[in-house]
Amino acid sequence: MDIAKRVKTIRESKGISVYKLAKTSGISSTYLYEVEMGKKQPTVEIISRICDALDISLADFFAESKENIELRPTTYKLIEKIATLSEESIKYLEEQADLLKIKESLKGKND
């Protein structure tokens, strides 16, 4: 997913300026501009603040097209919980998810 493009597309579709979104989300307009230009990679916490300011959920942000991607209710709950974690915890969670994917692929081969 192109986060930069996603932020800009949603912001523009709601008719909100970079300045207003930055102010509402509590981040600098320079940083937000750099996010939209793909020069900065925002943390999940920053994305969550941007989503709050845009009045959308994290799940909606990451679901590029509801026709193409249908998330389970449990996935929405996980995304909301992840938004409150520290960067260190998110990295740990990513590692654990990778291990789970390996475990499930090995389980499938043994069945």
N, C-alpha and C. Protein backbone atom coordinates (compact mmCIF):
# COMPACT_ATOMS: atom_id res chain seq x y z
N MET A 1 0.84 -1.18 0.00
CA MET A 1 0.00 0.00 0.00
C MET A 1 0.88 1.24 0.00
N ASP A 2 0.51 2.20 -0.79
CA ASP A 2 1.21 3.48 -0.85
C ASP A 2 0.55 4.42 0.15
N ILE A 3 1.15 4.50 1.34
CA ILE A 3 0.57 5.31 2.42
C ILE A 3 0.51 6.77 2.02
N ALA A 4 1.57 7.27 1.37
CA ALA A 4 1.60 8.67 0.96
C ALA A 4 0.42 9.00 0.07
N LYS A 5 0.20 8.17 -0.93
CA LYS A 5 -0.91 8.40 -1.86
C LYS A 5 -2.25 8.28 -1.15
N ARG A 6 -2.35 7.31 -0.23
CA ARG A 6 -3.61 7.08 0.49
C ARG A 6 -3.99 8.30 1.33
N VAL A 7 -3.01 8.83 2.07
CA VAL A 7 -3.28 10.01 2.91
C VAL A 7 -3.74 11.17 2.05
N LYS A 8 -3.00 11.43 0.98
CA LYS A 8 -3.34 12.56 0.10
C LYS A 8 -4.70 12.39 -0.55
N THR A 9 -4.99 11.19 -1.04
CA THR A 9 -6.26 10.93 -1.71
C THR A 9 -7.44 11.15 -0.76
N ILE A 10 -7.34 10.60 0.44
CA ILE A 10 -8.44 10.75 1.40
C ILE A 10 -8.59 12.21 1.82
N ARG A 11 -7.44 12.85 2.09
CA ARG A 11 -7.49 14.27 2.50
C ARG A 11 -8.17 15.11 1.43
N GLU A 12 -7.75 14.93 0.18
CA GLU A 12 -8.33 15.72 -0.90
C GLU A 12 -9.80 15.40 -1.13
N SER A 13 -10.17 14.12 -0.97
CA SER A 13 -11.57 13.75 -1.18
C SER A 13 -12.48 14.38 -0.13
N LYS A 14 -11.91 14.72 1.02
CA LYS A 14 -12.69 15.36 2.08
C LYS A 14 -12.56 16.89 2.02
N GLY A 15 -11.79 17.39 1.05
CA GLY A 15 -11.64 18.83 0.89
C GLY A 15 -10.90 19.51 2.02
N ILE A 16 -9.92 18.82 2.58
CA ILE A 16 -9.16 19.36 3.72
C ILE A 16 -7.76 19.73 3.24
N SER A 17 -7.28 20.88 3.66
CA SER A 17 -5.93 21.31 3.29
C SER A 17 -4.90 20.58 4.14
N VAL A 18 -3.66 20.57 3.66
CA VAL A 18 -2.56 19.97 4.42
C VAL A 18 -2.45 20.67 5.77
N TYR A 19 -2.53 21.99 5.75
CA TYR A 19 -2.41 22.77 6.98
C TYR A 19 -3.50 22.38 8.00
N LYS A 20 -4.75 22.30 7.54
CA LYS A 20 -5.84 21.98 8.45
C LYS A 20 -5.72 20.56 9.00
N LEU A 21 -5.35 19.60 8.14
CA LEU A 21 -5.19 18.22 8.61
C LEU A 21 -4.04 18.12 9.61
N ALA A 22 -2.96 18.83 9.33
CA ALA A 22 -1.82 18.81 10.24
C ALA A 22 -2.23 19.38 11.60
N LYS A 23 -2.91 20.50 11.57
CA LYS A 23 -3.34 21.14 12.82
C LYS A 23 -4.30 20.24 13.60
N THR A 24 -5.26 19.64 12.91
CA THR A 24 -6.26 18.79 13.56
C THR A 24 -5.64 17.52 14.12
N SER A 25 -4.64 16.99 13.41
CA SER A 25 -4.03 15.74 13.85
C SER A 25 -2.87 15.96 14.83
N GLY A 26 -2.46 17.21 15.01
CA GLY A 26 -1.41 17.52 15.97
C GLY A 26 -0.01 17.22 15.46
N ILE A 27 0.17 17.25 14.15
CA ILE A 27 1.51 17.06 13.59
C ILE A 27 1.85 18.30 12.76
N SER A 28 3.11 18.49 12.46
CA SER A 28 3.48 19.69 11.70
C SER A 28 3.07 19.54 10.25
N SER A 29 2.75 20.67 9.64
CA SER A 29 2.35 20.63 8.23
C SER A 29 3.53 20.21 7.35
N THR A 30 4.75 20.55 7.76
CA THR A 30 5.94 20.13 7.01
C THR A 30 6.05 18.61 7.02
N TYR A 31 5.85 18.01 8.19
CA TYR A 31 5.93 16.55 8.30
C TYR A 31 4.84 15.90 7.46
N LEU A 32 3.62 16.40 7.54
CA LEU A 32 2.52 15.84 6.77
C LEU A 32 2.79 15.95 5.27
N TYR A 33 3.31 17.09 4.86
CA TYR A 33 3.65 17.27 3.45
C TYR A 33 4.68 16.23 3.02
N GLU A 34 5.69 15.99 3.87
CA GLU A 34 6.72 15.00 3.56
C GLU A 34 6.14 13.58 3.53
N VAL A 35 5.16 13.32 4.36
CA VAL A 35 4.47 12.02 4.32
C VAL A 35 3.78 11.86 2.97
N GLU A 36 3.05 12.89 2.56
CA GLU A 36 2.32 12.83 1.29
C GLU A 36 3.25 12.75 0.08
N MET A 37 4.46 13.26 0.23
CA MET A 37 5.44 13.19 -0.86
C MET A 37 6.23 11.87 -0.83
N GLY A 38 5.98 11.06 0.19
CA GLY A 38 6.68 9.78 0.31
C GLY A 38 8.07 9.90 0.89
N LYS A 39 8.40 11.06 1.44
CA LYS A 39 9.73 11.27 2.01
C LYS A 39 9.82 10.79 3.46
N LYS A 40 8.71 10.69 4.13
CA LYS A 40 8.65 10.21 5.52
C LYS A 40 7.68 9.05 5.59
N GLN A 41 8.00 8.07 6.41
CA GLN A 41 7.12 6.94 6.67
C GLN A 41 6.53 7.11 8.07
N PRO A 42 5.26 7.43 8.17
CA PRO A 42 4.66 7.68 9.48
C PRO A 42 4.49 6.38 10.28
N THR A 43 4.54 6.52 11.58
CA THR A 43 4.28 5.38 12.46
C THR A 43 2.78 5.10 12.45
N VAL A 44 2.40 3.97 13.00
CA VAL A 44 0.98 3.64 13.11
C VAL A 44 0.28 4.66 13.99
N GLU A 45 0.97 5.15 15.01
CA GLU A 45 0.38 6.17 15.88
C GLU A 45 0.06 7.44 15.08
N ILE A 46 0.98 7.87 14.23
CA ILE A 46 0.76 9.07 13.42
C ILE A 46 -0.38 8.82 12.43
N ILE A 47 -0.40 7.65 11.81
CA ILE A 47 -1.49 7.32 10.89
C ILE A 47 -2.82 7.33 11.63
N SER A 48 -2.82 6.82 12.85
CA SER A 48 -4.04 6.82 13.66
C SER A 48 -4.51 8.24 13.93
N ARG A 49 -3.59 9.15 14.23
CA ARG A 49 -3.96 10.54 14.47
C ARG A 49 -4.50 11.20 13.20
N ILE A 50 -3.90 10.86 12.08
CA ILE A 50 -4.38 11.39 10.80
C ILE A 50 -5.78 10.85 10.52
N CYS A 51 -5.98 9.56 10.77
CA CYS A 51 -7.31 8.95 10.56
C CYS A 51 -8.36 9.60 11.45
N ASP A 52 -8.01 9.85 12.70
CA ASP A 52 -8.95 10.52 13.60
C ASP A 52 -9.33 11.89 13.04
N ALA A 53 -8.34 12.62 12.56
CA ALA A 53 -8.60 13.95 12.01
C ALA A 53 -9.43 13.89 10.73
N LEU A 54 -9.27 12.79 9.98
CA LEU A 54 -10.05 12.60 8.74
C LEU A 54 -11.40 11.95 9.01
N ASP A 55 -11.63 11.57 10.26
CA ASP A 55 -12.87 10.92 10.69
C ASP A 55 -13.08 9.58 9.97
N ILE A 56 -11.99 8.79 9.92
CA ILE A 56 -12.07 7.43 9.39
C ILE A 56 -11.34 6.50 10.36
N SER A 57 -11.65 5.22 10.29
CA SER A 57 -10.96 4.26 11.14
C SER A 57 -9.67 3.81 10.48
N LEU A 58 -8.78 3.26 11.28
CA LEU A 58 -7.55 2.69 10.73
C LEU A 58 -7.88 1.57 9.75
N ALA A 59 -8.87 0.79 10.09
CA ALA A 59 -9.27 -0.31 9.20
C ALA A 59 -9.70 0.22 7.85
N ASP A 60 -10.46 1.30 7.84
CA ASP A 60 -10.88 1.90 6.56
C ASP A 60 -9.68 2.45 5.80
N PHE A 61 -8.73 3.01 6.53
CA PHE A 61 -7.53 3.55 5.88
C PHE A 61 -6.77 2.44 5.16
N PHE A 62 -6.61 1.30 5.83
CA PHE A 62 -5.82 0.22 5.25
C PHE A 62 -6.59 -0.65 4.28
N ALA A 63 -7.90 -0.57 4.31
CA ALA A 63 -8.72 -1.31 3.33
C ALA A 63 -8.87 -0.42 2.11
N GLU A 64 -7.99 -0.59 1.15
CA GLU A 64 -7.95 0.29 -0.02
C GLU A 64 -9.27 0.34 -0.77
N SER A 65 -9.90 -0.80 -0.89
CA SER A 65 -11.18 -0.85 -1.58
C SER A 65 -12.03 -1.89 -0.89
N LYS A 66 -13.14 -1.46 -0.36
CA LYS A 66 -13.99 -2.40 0.36
C LYS A 66 -14.56 -3.47 -0.54
N GLU A 67 -14.62 -3.21 -1.86
CA GLU A 67 -15.10 -4.24 -2.77
C GLU A 67 -14.05 -5.33 -2.94
N ASN A 68 -12.78 -4.97 -2.88
CA ASN A 68 -11.70 -5.92 -3.12
C ASN A 68 -11.18 -6.58 -1.85
N ILE A 69 -11.23 -5.86 -0.74
CA ILE A 69 -10.68 -6.38 0.51
C ILE A 69 -11.77 -6.37 1.57
N GLU A 70 -12.11 -7.53 2.04
CA GLU A 70 -13.11 -7.64 3.10
C GLU A 70 -12.40 -8.12 4.36
N LEU A 71 -12.33 -7.26 5.35
CA LEU A 71 -11.67 -7.61 6.61
C LEU A 71 -12.69 -8.19 7.58
N ARG A 72 -12.23 -9.18 8.32
CA ARG A 72 -13.08 -9.76 9.36
C ARG A 72 -13.21 -8.79 10.53
N PRO A 73 -14.28 -8.87 11.30
CA PRO A 73 -14.43 -7.98 12.47
C PRO A 73 -13.26 -8.08 13.44
N THR A 74 -12.71 -9.27 13.60
CA THR A 74 -11.56 -9.42 14.51
C THR A 74 -10.34 -8.66 14.00
N THR A 75 -10.22 -8.54 12.68
CA THR A 75 -9.10 -7.79 12.10
C THR A 75 -9.23 -6.31 12.41
N TYR A 76 -10.45 -5.78 12.33
CA TYR A 76 -10.67 -4.38 12.68
C TYR A 76 -10.28 -4.13 14.14
N LYS A 77 -10.65 -5.04 15.02
CA LYS A 77 -10.32 -4.89 16.44
C LYS A 77 -8.81 -4.89 16.64
N LEU A 78 -8.11 -5.77 15.94
CA LEU A 78 -6.66 -5.82 16.05
C LEU A 78 -6.00 -4.53 15.57
N ILE A 79 -6.47 -4.00 14.48
CA ILE A 79 -5.90 -2.76 13.95
C ILE A 79 -6.06 -1.63 14.95
N GLU A 80 -7.22 -1.53 15.55
CA GLU A 80 -7.46 -0.48 16.54
C GLU A 80 -6.53 -0.65 17.75
N LYS A 81 -6.28 -1.89 18.18
CA LYS A 81 -5.38 -2.14 19.31
C LYS A 81 -3.94 -1.82 18.95
N ILE A 82 -3.54 -2.18 17.75
CA ILE A 82 -2.16 -1.94 17.30
C ILE A 82 -1.85 -0.46 17.29
N ALA A 83 -2.83 0.36 16.98
CA ALA A 83 -2.62 1.81 16.89
C ALA A 83 -2.12 2.41 18.20
N THR A 84 -2.38 1.75 19.31
CA THR A 84 -1.98 2.30 20.61
C THR A 84 -0.63 1.77 21.10
N LEU A 85 -0.02 0.86 20.34
CA LEU A 85 1.24 0.26 20.76
C LEU A 85 2.44 1.14 20.43
N SER A 86 3.51 0.93 21.18
CA SER A 86 4.77 1.63 20.89
C SER A 86 5.41 1.03 19.65
N GLU A 87 6.37 1.75 19.08
CA GLU A 87 7.08 1.25 17.90
C GLU A 87 7.77 -0.08 18.21
N GLU A 88 8.34 -0.18 19.39
CA GLU A 88 9.02 -1.41 19.79
C GLU A 88 8.03 -2.59 19.83
N SER A 89 6.87 -2.34 20.38
CA SER A 89 5.85 -3.39 20.45
C SER A 89 5.33 -3.77 19.07
N ILE A 90 5.22 -2.79 18.19
CA ILE A 90 4.75 -3.07 16.82
C ILE A 90 5.77 -3.94 16.09
N LYS A 91 7.06 -3.64 16.25
CA LYS A 91 8.10 -4.46 15.62
C LYS A 91 8.04 -5.89 16.16
N TYR A 92 7.86 -6.02 17.46
CA TYR A 92 7.73 -7.35 18.06
C TYR A 92 6.52 -8.08 17.48
N LEU A 93 5.42 -7.38 17.36
CA LEU A 93 4.20 -7.97 16.82
C LEU A 93 4.40 -8.42 15.37
N GLU A 94 5.10 -7.61 14.58
CA GLU A 94 5.40 -7.99 13.20
C GLU A 94 6.22 -9.27 13.15
N GLU A 95 7.21 -9.38 14.04
CA GLU A 95 8.04 -10.60 14.09
C GLU A 95 7.17 -11.81 14.44
N GLN A 96 6.28 -11.63 15.40
CA GLN A 96 5.41 -12.74 15.81
C GLN A 96 4.46 -13.13 14.68
N ALA A 97 3.96 -12.15 13.94
CA ALA A 97 3.08 -12.44 12.81
C ALA A 97 3.83 -13.22 11.74
N ASP A 98 5.09 -12.85 11.50
CA ASP A 98 5.90 -13.59 10.53
C ASP A 98 6.08 -15.04 10.98
N LEU A 99 6.34 -15.23 12.27
CA LEU A 99 6.49 -16.60 12.80
C LEU A 99 5.20 -17.40 12.66
N LEU A 100 4.07 -16.74 12.90
CA LEU A 100 2.78 -17.43 12.75
C LEU A 100 2.53 -17.84 11.30
N LYS A 101 2.91 -16.97 10.36
CA LYS A 101 2.75 -17.31 8.94
C LYS A 101 3.60 -18.52 8.57
N ILE A 102 4.83 -18.56 9.09
CA ILE A 102 5.71 -19.71 8.83
C ILE A 102 5.10 -20.97 9.44
N LYS A 103 4.63 -20.86 10.67
CA LYS A 103 4.03 -22.00 11.36
C LYS A 103 2.84 -22.54 10.58
N GLU A 104 1.96 -21.63 10.11
CA GLU A 104 0.78 -22.06 9.36
C GLU A 104 1.16 -22.69 8.02
N SER A 105 2.19 -22.16 7.37
CA SER A 105 2.60 -22.74 6.08
C SER A 105 3.20 -24.13 6.30
N LEU A 106 3.93 -24.31 7.39
CA LEU A 106 4.49 -25.64 7.69
C LEU A 106 3.38 -26.62 8.08
N LYS A 107 2.39 -26.14 8.80
CA LYS A 107 1.26 -26.99 9.19
C LYS A 107 0.52 -27.47 7.96
N GLY A 108 0.34 -26.58 6.98
CA GLY A 108 -0.34 -26.94 5.74
C GLY A 108 0.40 -28.01 4.97
N LYS A 109 1.74 -27.97 5.02
CA LYS A 109 2.55 -28.97 4.32
C LYS A 109 2.51 -30.32 5.00
N ASN A 110 2.30 -30.32 6.32
CA ASN A 110 2.27 -31.58 7.08
C ASN A 110 0.90 -32.24 7.10
N ASP A 111 -0.12 -31.53 6.64
CA ASP A 111 -1.49 -32.08 6.66
C ASP A 111 -1.71 -33.04 5.52
